[in-house]
Every structure is written in structure tokens, then in C-alpha cells.
């Protein structure tokens, strides 16, 4: 279910990339959004195995996964920036980060995934998941509102400065 929702959200990003680029008046944004959709799907692959790592208190493995993913992402960004790829260095930083995290989480998690459908369990999870989804979406919108406004009205350069300063 988590992977299906991740695939649905990633597909939505791919399909809406042109609209997003048009809204921000940045035609070069559409391919960036399409590639970043891969990260959304990769995150959905590791949601449940990641929770299992936490539940089994495998904190050393979690920290190794996160550190490895960050190092791989930074290495990718620095290398691609040095090669002159500009914004794509940051895009592929995210993809390599989520890919590394996904591979390591799936490899180290005690959860072994299978495809079993129990309609009763699905209904319970859907009730909880929908509430959780809308709560997370509202939180995301609230946390992103300042960046959204700056990007729309002041442009990409101002948003870049704002993002760097807020980090």
C-alpha cells in the first residue's frame, strides 16, 4: 500500500511538472520535478522497512544507513558541480541519497516483504493512513509556504539565497 501510494504520488509529480514550471514561470523546472519524483517513489519503498529497523531498535544500522546516504549524496553533488552540471548536481544529490538509503534500508531491515492482501487490515490502515496523510500534507504546506511565496514572487535566485540562509 505504501509503495502504491508512493508510485501514485511520483506519477502525479511527473504529470504535473509542466504545470508547476508554468506556475513558477521557470520552464527548466519541469525536468527537475520529473527526476525528483524518483526520490518520492524510493522513499515509499523504505517506509515500512525503516520503521521495522526502529521497532527492532537497530539504531546503529539506522545511523550507518543515514551517514552512508548523506556521504554518497554529497559526493555526487560535489563531483557533478565540479563537472559544471549546475542544478543537476543538487537533483542527483537527492536521487543518490534516496537510492543509497533505499538499498541499505532494504538490505539491513529484518522485514522481508511479501504481497499479502487482507481486506480487513487494509481498511484499518486506510483509515489511519488517510488521517496521517492529510495531517502530513497540511504540515508540509505550512512548512513550505514561505519558500513557495518567495519562489513565486521573488524568483528562483531569491529562493536559493533564502534556502541557504535558513539551513
Protein backbone atom coordinates (compact mmCIF):
# COMPACT_ATOMS: atom_id res chain seq x y z
CA UNK A 1 0.00 0.00 0.00
CA UNK A 2 2.83 2.40 0.89
CA UNK A 3 4.67 1.62 -2.33
CA UNK A 4 1.47 2.03 -4.36
CA UNK A 5 0.84 5.45 -2.81
CA UNK A 6 4.46 6.43 -3.44
CA UNK A 7 4.14 5.40 -7.06
CA UNK A 8 0.89 7.36 -7.34
CA UNK A 9 2.48 10.48 -5.84
CA UNK A 10 5.57 10.18 -8.06
CA UNK A 11 3.34 9.77 -11.12
CA UNK A 12 1.40 12.86 -10.03
CA UNK A 13 4.65 14.82 -9.84
CA UNK A 14 5.69 13.68 -13.31
CA UNK A 15 2.31 14.56 -14.80
CA UNK A 16 2.11 17.95 -13.08
CA UNK A 17 5.72 19.01 -13.77
CA UNK A 18 4.77 21.26 -16.68
CA UNK A 19 2.03 22.97 -14.65
CA UNK A 20 4.46 23.55 -11.77
CA UNK A 21 7.06 25.01 -14.15
CA UNK A 22 4.42 27.23 -15.75
CA UNK A 23 3.17 28.44 -12.36
CA UNK A 24 6.68 29.45 -11.27
CA UNK A 25 7.47 30.78 -14.77
CA UNK A 26 10.57 28.56 -14.83
CA UNK A 27 10.46 26.29 -17.91
CA UNK A 28 13.65 24.49 -16.81
CA UNK A 29 11.87 23.35 -13.64
CA UNK A 30 9.73 20.67 -15.35
CA UNK A 31 12.52 18.13 -15.97
CA UNK A 32 13.88 18.75 -12.47
CA UNK A 33 10.48 17.93 -10.91
CA UNK A 34 10.19 14.81 -13.07
CA UNK A 35 13.56 13.47 -11.94
CA UNK A 36 12.91 14.34 -8.29
CA UNK A 37 9.74 12.22 -8.47
CA UNK A 38 12.05 9.20 -8.37
CA UNK A 39 13.01 10.21 -4.82
CA UNK A 40 9.37 10.16 -3.74
CA UNK A 41 8.99 6.61 -5.02
CA UNK A 42 12.25 5.50 -3.39
CA UNK A 43 11.09 6.90 -0.05
CA UNK A 44 7.91 4.84 -0.26
CA UNK A 45 9.96 1.67 -0.71
CA UNK A 46 11.72 2.16 2.61
CA UNK A 47 8.94 3.49 4.82
CA UNK A 48 7.90 0.17 6.36
CA UNK A 49 11.38 -1.45 6.45
CA UNK A 50 12.67 1.75 8.09
CA UNK A 51 10.00 1.53 10.77
CA UNK A 52 10.99 -2.08 11.39
CA UNK A 53 14.59 -1.00 11.95
CA UNK A 54 13.36 1.48 14.56
CA UNK A 55 10.99 -1.01 16.15
CA UNK A 56 13.79 -3.56 16.49
CA UNK A 57 15.99 -0.80 17.97
CA UNK A 58 18.62 -1.24 15.28
CA UNK A 59 19.87 2.31 15.77
CA UNK A 60 23.46 1.56 14.78
CA UNK A 61 22.26 0.31 11.39
CA UNK A 62 19.97 3.32 11.01
CA UNK A 63 22.85 5.71 11.65
CA UNK A 64 25.11 3.83 9.22
CA UNK A 65 22.40 4.00 6.57
CA UNK A 66 21.85 7.74 7.07
CA UNK A 67 25.56 8.59 7.14
CA UNK A 68 26.25 6.49 4.04
CA UNK A 69 23.36 8.11 2.18
CA UNK A 70 24.48 11.64 3.13
CA UNK A 71 28.10 10.95 2.14
CA UNK A 72 27.04 9.41 -1.18
CA UNK A 73 24.73 12.35 -1.88
CA UNK A 74 27.32 14.98 -1.01
CA UNK A 75 29.98 13.17 -3.03
CA UNK A 76 27.64 13.14 -6.01
CA UNK A 77 26.75 16.81 -5.64
CA UNK A 78 30.34 17.96 -5.31
CA UNK A 79 31.52 15.83 -8.23
CA UNK A 80 28.71 16.92 -10.55
CA UNK A 81 29.06 20.57 -9.52
CA UNK A 82 32.79 20.39 -10.22
CA UNK A 83 31.93 18.98 -13.66
CA UNK A 84 29.67 22.01 -14.25
CA UNK A 85 26.24 20.38 -14.12
CA UNK A 86 24.71 23.23 -12.09
CA UNK A 87 21.27 22.49 -10.62
CA UNK A 88 21.50 18.86 -11.76
CA UNK A 89 24.24 18.34 -9.18
CA UNK A 90 21.66 19.07 -6.49
CA UNK A 91 18.97 17.00 -8.20
CA UNK A 92 21.20 13.94 -8.44
CA UNK A 93 22.40 14.52 -4.89
CA UNK A 94 18.82 13.83 -3.79
CA UNK A 95 18.42 10.82 -6.07
CA UNK A 96 21.68 9.22 -4.92
CA UNK A 97 20.80 9.97 -1.29
CA UNK A 98 17.41 8.25 -1.54
CA UNK A 99 18.75 5.41 -3.69
CA UNK A 100 21.56 4.68 -1.21
CA UNK A 101 19.17 4.92 1.71
CA UNK A 102 16.67 2.61 -0.01
CA UNK A 103 19.19 -0.08 -0.92
CA UNK A 104 20.78 -0.12 2.55
CA UNK A 105 17.46 0.01 4.41
CA UNK A 106 16.03 -2.85 2.38
CA UNK A 107 19.23 -4.87 2.85
CA UNK A 108 19.56 -4.29 6.62
CA UNK A 109 15.92 -4.33 7.69
CA UNK A 110 14.67 -7.52 9.34
CA UNK A 111 11.41 -7.13 7.41
CA UNK A 112 11.04 -9.40 4.41
CA UNK A 113 8.34 -8.05 2.18
CA UNK A 114 5.72 -10.23 0.57
CA UNK A 115 2.49 -9.49 -1.22
CA UNK A 116 -0.40 -10.45 1.02
CA UNK A 117 -3.77 -8.72 0.88
CA UNK A 118 -6.16 -8.87 3.81
CA UNK A 119 -9.09 -6.55 3.10
CA UNK A 120 -9.89 -6.15 6.83
CA UNK A 121 -6.36 -4.93 7.55
CA UNK A 122 -6.37 -2.69 4.50
CA UNK A 123 -9.49 -0.87 5.74
CA UNK A 124 -7.93 -0.27 9.16
CA UNK A 125 -4.72 1.01 7.61
CA UNK A 126 -6.56 3.21 5.13
CA UNK A 127 -8.48 4.97 7.91
CA UNK A 128 -5.30 5.66 9.82
CA UNK A 129 -3.26 6.41 6.70
CA UNK A 130 -5.72 8.91 5.28
CA UNK A 131 -5.77 10.88 8.53
CA UNK A 132 -2.00 10.70 8.73
CA UNK A 133 -1.63 11.65 5.05
CA UNK A 134 -3.79 14.76 5.37
CA UNK A 135 -2.03 15.74 8.59
CA UNK A 136 1.36 15.39 6.90
CA UNK A 137 0.19 17.29 3.81
CA UNK A 138 -1.05 20.19 5.93
CA UNK A 139 2.25 20.18 7.83
CA UNK A 140 4.20 20.14 4.57
CA UNK A 141 2.19 23.05 3.16
CA UNK A 142 2.67 25.10 6.34
CA UNK A 143 6.43 24.36 6.43
CA UNK A 144 6.81 25.13 2.71
CA UNK A 145 4.61 28.19 2.47
CA UNK A 146 7.44 30.69 2.95
CA UNK A 147 9.55 29.05 0.23
CA UNK A 148 6.54 28.84 -2.06
CA UNK A 149 5.79 32.57 -1.68
CA UNK A 150 9.42 33.62 -2.10
CA UNK A 151 9.87 31.39 -5.16
CA UNK A 152 6.69 32.61 -6.80
CA UNK A 153 7.03 36.34 -6.19
CA UNK A 154 10.79 36.93 -5.86
CA UNK A 155 12.14 34.19 -8.14
CA UNK A 156 14.50 31.26 -8.05
CA UNK A 157 17.60 33.24 -7.10
CA UNK A 158 15.97 34.78 -4.02
CA UNK A 159 14.61 31.36 -3.05
CA UNK A 160 18.09 29.88 -3.36
CA UNK A 161 19.54 32.53 -1.04
CA UNK A 162 16.66 32.09 1.39
CA UNK A 163 17.09 28.29 1.42
CA UNK A 164 20.83 28.53 2.04
CA UNK A 165 20.34 31.08 4.83
CA UNK A 166 17.64 29.03 6.54
CA UNK A 167 19.88 25.96 6.52
